[in-house]
Amino acid sequence: MKKVCALIGKYFGVLAVIFLIIGMTLPTSFSWVLGKVGGVSVLSVLLGIIMFGMGRP
């Protein structure tokens, strides 16, 4: 798990650009992000995970 996290951290900028391009060309592929699972917004959970990851030294 540490190797996967290190790999994501190392190439986060590249991953962000790839997802940006996919989102701009195929916006319907990310429509699930605006939904709810169990009454909880998926977008809020994803933003929480991102913010939690930013707090890591």
PDB file of N, CA and C in Angstrom:
ATOM      1  N   MET A   1       0.822  -1.195   0.000  1.00  0.00           N
ATOM      2  CA  MET A   1       0.000   0.000   0.000  1.00  0.00           C
ATOM      3  C   MET A   1       0.868   1.260   0.000  1.00  0.00           C
ATOM      4  N   LYS A   2       1.983   1.206   0.709  1.00  0.00           N
ATOM      5  CA  LYS A   2       2.875   2.363   0.741  1.00  0.00           C
ATOM      6  C   LYS A   2       3.457   2.647  -0.632  1.00  0.00           C
ATOM      7  N   LYS A   3       3.749   1.586  -1.383  1.00  0.00           N
ATOM      8  CA  LYS A   3       4.301   1.767  -2.726  1.00  0.00           C
ATOM      9  C   LYS A   3       3.287   2.432  -3.650  1.00  0.00           C
ATOM     10  N   VAL A   4       2.019   2.027  -3.527  1.00  0.00           N
ATOM     11  CA  VAL A   4       0.966   2.620  -4.358  1.00  0.00           C
ATOM     12  C   VAL A   4       0.799   4.093  -4.016  1.00  0.00           C
ATOM     13  N   CYS A   5       0.768   4.408  -2.727  1.00  0.00           N
ATOM     14  CA  CYS A   5       0.626   5.802  -2.295  1.00  0.00           C
ATOM     15  C   CYS A   5       1.818   6.647  -2.736  1.00  0.00           C
ATOM     16  N   ALA A   6       3.012   6.089  -2.651  1.00  0.00           N
ATOM     17  CA  ALA A   6       4.203   6.814  -3.091  1.00  0.00           C
ATOM     18  C   ALA A   6       4.166   7.056  -4.596  1.00  0.00           C
ATOM     19  N   LEU A   7       3.687   6.069  -5.346  1.00  0.00           N
ATOM     20  CA  LEU A   7       3.585   6.213  -6.794  1.00  0.00           C
ATOM     21  C   LEU A   7       2.566   7.290  -7.162  1.00  0.00           C
ATOM     22  N   ILE A   8       1.428   7.291  -6.490  1.00  0.00           N
ATOM     23  CA  ILE A   8       0.407   8.310  -6.739  1.00  0.00           C
ATOM     24  C   ILE A   8       0.942   9.690  -6.369  1.00  0.00           C
ATOM     25  N   GLY A   9       1.618   9.788  -5.243  1.00  0.00           N
ATOM     26  CA  GLY A   9       2.177  11.064  -4.815  1.00  0.00           C
ATOM     27  C   GLY A   9       3.235  11.591  -5.767  1.00  0.00           C
ATOM     28  N   LYS A  10       4.026  10.684  -6.309  1.00  0.00           N
ATOM     29  CA  LYS A  10       5.097  11.078  -7.217  1.00  0.00           C
ATOM     30  C   LYS A  10       4.548  11.601  -8.547  1.00  0.00           C
ATOM     31  N   TYR A  11       3.498  10.974  -9.032  1.00  0.00           N
ATOM     32  CA  TYR A  11       2.942  11.329 -10.339  1.00  0.00           C
ATOM     33  C   TYR A  11       1.576  12.000 -10.244  1.00  0.00           C
ATOM     34  N   PHE A  12       1.286  12.677  -9.144  1.00  0.00           N
ATOM     35  CA  PHE A  12      -0.028  13.289  -8.955  1.00  0.00           C
ATOM     36  C   PHE A  12      -0.321  14.343 -10.012  1.00  0.00           C
ATOM     37  N   GLY A  13       0.641  15.141 -10.364  1.00  0.00           N
ATOM     38  CA  GLY A  13       0.433  16.172 -11.382  1.00  0.00           C
ATOM     39  C   GLY A  13       0.056  15.578 -12.728  1.00  0.00           C
ATOM     40  N   VAL A  14       0.733  14.509 -13.100  1.00  0.00           N
ATOM     41  CA  VAL A  14       0.436  13.836 -14.365  1.00  0.00           C
ATOM     42  C   VAL A  14      -0.962  13.227 -14.322  1.00  0.00           C
ATOM     43  N   LEU A  15      -1.293  12.581 -13.202  1.00  0.00           N
ATOM     44  CA  LEU A  15      -2.631  12.001 -13.050  1.00  0.00           C
ATOM     45  C   LEU A  15      -3.713  13.070 -13.108  1.00  0.00           C
ATOM     46  N   ALA A  16      -3.465  14.209 -12.500  1.00  0.00           N
ATOM     47  CA  ALA A  16      -4.445  15.296 -12.517  1.00  0.00           C
ATOM     48  C   ALA A  16      -4.685  15.794 -13.936  1.00  0.00           C
ATOM     49  N   VAL A  17      -3.630  15.924 -14.718  1.00  0.00           N
ATOM     50  CA  VAL A  17      -3.775  16.381 -16.103  1.00  0.00           C
ATOM     51  C   VAL A  17      -4.513  15.333 -16.940  1.00  0.00           C
ATOM     52  N   ILE A  18      -4.215  14.064 -16.726  1.00  0.00           N
ATOM     53  CA  ILE A  18      -4.910  13.001 -17.462  1.00  0.00           C
ATOM     54  C   ILE A  18      -6.396  13.022 -17.159  1.00  0.00           C
ATOM     55  N   PHE A  19      -6.759  13.122 -15.867  1.00  0.00           N
ATOM     56  CA  PHE A  19      -8.170  13.170 -15.504  1.00  0.00           C
ATOM     57  C   PHE A  19      -8.831  14.459 -15.984  1.00  0.00           C
ATOM     58  N   LEU A  20      -8.089  15.550 -16.046  1.00  0.00           N
ATOM     59  CA  LEU A  20      -8.618  16.797 -16.595  1.00  0.00           C
ATOM     60  C   LEU A  20      -8.988  16.625 -18.061  1.00  0.00           C
ATOM     61  N   ILE A  21      -8.097  16.027 -18.815  1.00  0.00           N
ATOM     62  CA  ILE A  21      -8.357  15.817 -20.237  1.00  0.00           C
ATOM     63  C   ILE A  21      -9.554  14.886 -20.440  1.00  0.00           C
ATOM     64  N   ILE A  22      -9.613  13.803 -19.677  1.00  0.00           N
ATOM     65  CA  ILE A  22     -10.752  12.885 -19.781  1.00  0.00           C
ATOM     66  C   ILE A  22     -12.044  13.592 -19.410  1.00  0.00           C
ATOM     67  N   GLY A  23     -12.020  14.381 -18.344  1.00  0.00           N
ATOM     68  CA  GLY A  23     -13.213  15.103 -17.914  1.00  0.00           C
ATOM     69  C   GLY A  23     -13.679  16.154 -18.901  1.00  0.00           C
ATOM     70  N   MET A  24     -12.745  16.781 -19.593  1.00  0.00           N
ATOM     71  CA  MET A  24     -13.116  17.788 -20.579  1.00  0.00           C
ATOM     72  C   MET A  24     -13.643  17.151 -21.866  1.00  0.00           C
ATOM     73  N   THR A  25     -13.122  16.007 -22.239  1.00  0.00           N
ATOM     74  CA  THR A  25     -13.565  15.374 -23.477  1.00  0.00           C
ATOM     75  C   THR A  25     -14.785  14.476 -23.279  1.00  0.00           C
ATOM     76  N   LEU A  26     -14.901  13.828 -22.123  1.00  0.00           N
ATOM     77  CA  LEU A  26     -16.023  12.933 -21.824  1.00  0.00           C
ATOM     78  C   LEU A  26     -16.640  13.295 -20.470  1.00  0.00           C
ATOM     79  N   PRO A  27     -17.335  14.419 -20.378  1.00  0.00           N
ATOM     80  CA  PRO A  27     -17.845  14.848 -19.069  1.00  0.00           C
ATOM     81  C   PRO A  27     -18.872  13.896 -18.448  1.00  0.00           C
ATOM     82  N   THR A  28     -19.559  13.122 -19.257  1.00  0.00           N
ATOM     83  CA  THR A  28     -20.548  12.193 -18.698  1.00  0.00           C
ATOM     84  C   THR A  28     -19.896  11.039 -17.946  1.00  0.00           C
ATOM     85  N   SER A  29     -18.620  10.793 -18.201  1.00  0.00           N
ATOM     86  CA  SER A  29     -17.936   9.701 -17.506  1.00  0.00           C
ATOM     87  C   SER A  29     -17.710  10.018 -16.028  1.00  0.00           C
ATOM     88  N   PHE A  30     -17.837  11.285 -15.644  1.00  0.00           N
ATOM     89  CA  PHE A  30     -17.670  11.671 -14.242  1.00  0.00           C
ATOM     90  C   PHE A  30     -18.961  12.146 -13.601  1.00  0.00           C
ATOM     91  N   SER A  31     -20.100  11.860 -14.207  1.00  0.00           N
ATOM     92  CA  SER A  31     -21.375  12.302 -13.647  1.00  0.00           C
ATOM     93  C   SER A  31     -21.707  11.574 -12.343  1.00  0.00           C
ATOM     94  N   TRP A  32     -21.106  10.420 -12.094  1.00  0.00           N
ATOM     95  CA  TRP A  32     -21.348   9.674 -10.857  1.00  0.00           C
ATOM     96  C   TRP A  32     -20.844  10.434  -9.630  1.00  0.00           C
ATOM     97  N   VAL A  33     -19.926  11.361  -9.829  1.00  0.00           N
ATOM     98  CA  VAL A  33     -19.359  12.122  -8.710  1.00  0.00           C
ATOM     99  C   VAL A  33     -20.429  13.015  -8.069  1.00  0.00           C
ATOM    100  N   LEU A  34     -21.417  13.441  -8.836  1.00  0.00           N
ATOM    101  CA  LEU A  34     -22.453  14.324  -8.314  1.00  0.00           C
ATOM    102  C   LEU A  34     -23.576  13.573  -7.620  1.00  0.00           C
ATOM    103  N   GLY A  35     -23.514  12.255  -7.589  1.00  0.00           N
ATOM    104  CA  GLY A  35     -24.551  11.444  -6.962  1.00  0.00           C
ATOM    105  C   GLY A  35     -24.365  11.297  -5.462  1.00  0.00           C
ATOM    106  N   LYS A  36     -25.236  10.485  -4.878  1.00  0.00           N
ATOM    107  CA  LYS A  36     -25.170  10.201  -3.442  1.00  0.00           C
ATOM    108  C   LYS A  36     -25.158   8.703  -3.234  1.00  0.00           C
ATOM    109  N   VAL A  37     -24.425   8.269  -2.229  1.00  0.00           N
ATOM    110  CA  VAL A  37     -24.369   6.862  -1.846  1.00  0.00           C
ATOM    111  C   VAL A  37     -24.723   6.793  -0.373  1.00  0.00           C
ATOM    112  N   GLY A  38     -25.815   6.135  -0.073  1.00  0.00           N
ATOM    113  CA  GLY A  38     -26.246   6.039   1.321  1.00  0.00           C
ATOM    114  C   GLY A  38     -26.603   7.393   1.910  1.00  0.00           C
ATOM    115  N   GLY A  39     -27.057   8.309   1.090  1.00  0.00           N
ATOM    116  CA  GLY A  39     -27.436   9.639   1.560  1.00  0.00           C
ATOM    117  C   GLY A  39     -26.266  10.599   1.723  1.00  0.00           C
ATOM    118  N   VAL A  40     -25.057  10.149   1.397  1.00  0.00           N
ATOM    119  CA  VAL A  40     -23.867  10.982   1.531  1.00  0.00           C
ATOM    120  C   VAL A  40     -23.371  11.349   0.136  1.00  0.00           C
ATOM    121  N   SER A  41     -23.056  12.615  -0.069  1.00  0.00           N
ATOM    122  CA  SER A  41     -22.574  13.091  -1.358  1.00  0.00           C
ATOM    123  C   SER A  41     -21.197  12.507  -1.662  1.00  0.00           C
ATOM    124  N   VAL A  42     -21.056  11.936  -2.843  1.00  0.00           N
ATOM    125  CA  VAL A  42     -19.782  11.350  -3.270  1.00  0.00           C
ATOM    126  C   VAL A  42     -18.727  12.441  -3.397  1.00  0.00           C
ATOM    127  N   LEU A  43     -19.119  13.596  -3.919  1.00  0.00           N
ATOM    128  CA  LEU A  43     -18.187  14.705  -4.085  1.00  0.00           C
ATOM    129  C   LEU A  43     -17.598  15.145  -2.749  1.00  0.00           C
ATOM    130  N   SER A  44     -18.420  15.214  -1.718  1.00  0.00           N
ATOM    131  CA  SER A  44     -17.935  15.619  -0.396  1.00  0.00           C
ATOM    132  C   SER A  44     -16.925  14.619   0.158  1.00  0.00           C
ATOM    133  N   VAL A  45     -17.186  13.350  -0.045  1.00  0.00           N
ATOM    134  CA  VAL A  45     -16.256  12.320   0.435  1.00  0.00           C
ATOM    135  C   VAL A  45     -14.931  12.406  -0.314  1.00  0.00           C
ATOM    136  N   LEU A  46     -14.991  12.565  -1.637  1.00  0.00           N
ATOM    137  CA  LEU A  46     -13.757  12.672  -2.422  1.00  0.00           C
ATOM    138  C   LEU A  46     -12.946  13.909  -2.038  1.00  0.00           C
ATOM    139  N   LEU A  47     -13.625  15.033  -1.836  1.00  0.00           N
ATOM    140  CA  LEU A  47     -12.907  16.240  -1.397  1.00  0.00           C
ATOM    141  C   LEU A  47     -12.300  16.055  -0.012  1.00  0.00           C
ATOM    142  N   GLY A  48     -13.002  15.349   0.864  1.00  0.00           N
ATOM    143  CA  GLY A  48     -12.460  15.060   2.195  1.00  0.00           C
ATOM    144  C   GLY A  48     -11.203  14.217   2.126  1.00  0.00           C
ATOM    145  N   ILE A  49     -11.204  13.236   1.234  1.00  0.00           N
ATOM    146  CA  ILE A  49     -10.012  12.386   1.069  1.00  0.00           C
ATOM    147  C   ILE A  49      -8.846  13.211   0.534  1.00  0.00           C
ATOM    148  N   ILE A  50      -9.117  14.087  -0.426  1.00  0.00           N
ATOM    149  CA  ILE A  50      -8.065  14.936  -0.969  1.00  0.00           C
ATOM    150  C   ILE A  50      -7.513  15.864   0.096  1.00  0.00           C
ATOM    151  N   MET A  51      -8.379  16.491   0.864  1.00  0.00           N
ATOM    152  CA  MET A  51      -7.933  17.409   1.908  1.00  0.00           C
ATOM    153  C   MET A  51      -7.154  16.683   2.998  1.00  0.00           C
ATOM    154  N   PHE A  52      -7.594  15.469   3.343  1.00  0.00           N
ATOM    155  CA  PHE A  52      -6.872  14.693   4.332  1.00  0.00           C
ATOM    156  C   PHE A  52      -5.471  14.340   3.828  1.00  0.00           C
ATOM    157  N   GLY A  53      -5.357  14.013   2.552  1.00  0.00           N
ATOM    158  CA  GLY A  53      -4.061  13.691   1.965  1.00  0.00           C
ATOM    159  C   GLY A  53      -3.136  14.899   1.902  1.00  0.00           C
ATOM    160  N   MET A  54      -3.690  16.090   1.769  1.00  0.00           N
ATOM    161  CA  MET A  54      -2.854  17.289   1.701  1.00  0.00           C
ATOM    162  C   MET A  54      -2.226  17.622   3.064  1.00  0.00           C
ATOM    163  N   GLY A  55      -2.806  17.146   4.132  1.00  0.00           N
ATOM    164  CA  GLY A  55      -2.291  17.435   5.460  1.00  0.00           C
ATOM    165  C   GLY A  55      -1.117  16.573   5.850  1.00  0.00           C
ATOM    166  N   ARG A  56      -0.789  15.594   5.035  1.00  0.00           N
ATOM    167  CA  ARG A  56       0.317  14.692   5.333  1.00  0.00           C
ATOM    168  C   ARG A  56       1.650  15.381   5.059  1.00  0.00           C
ATOM    169  N   PRO A  57       2.611  15.280   5.983  1.00  0.00           N
ATOM    170  CA  PRO A  57       3.921  15.945   5.779  1.00  0.00           C
ATOM    171  C   PRO A  57       4.759  15.328   4.695  1.00  0.00           C
TER     172      PRO A  57
END
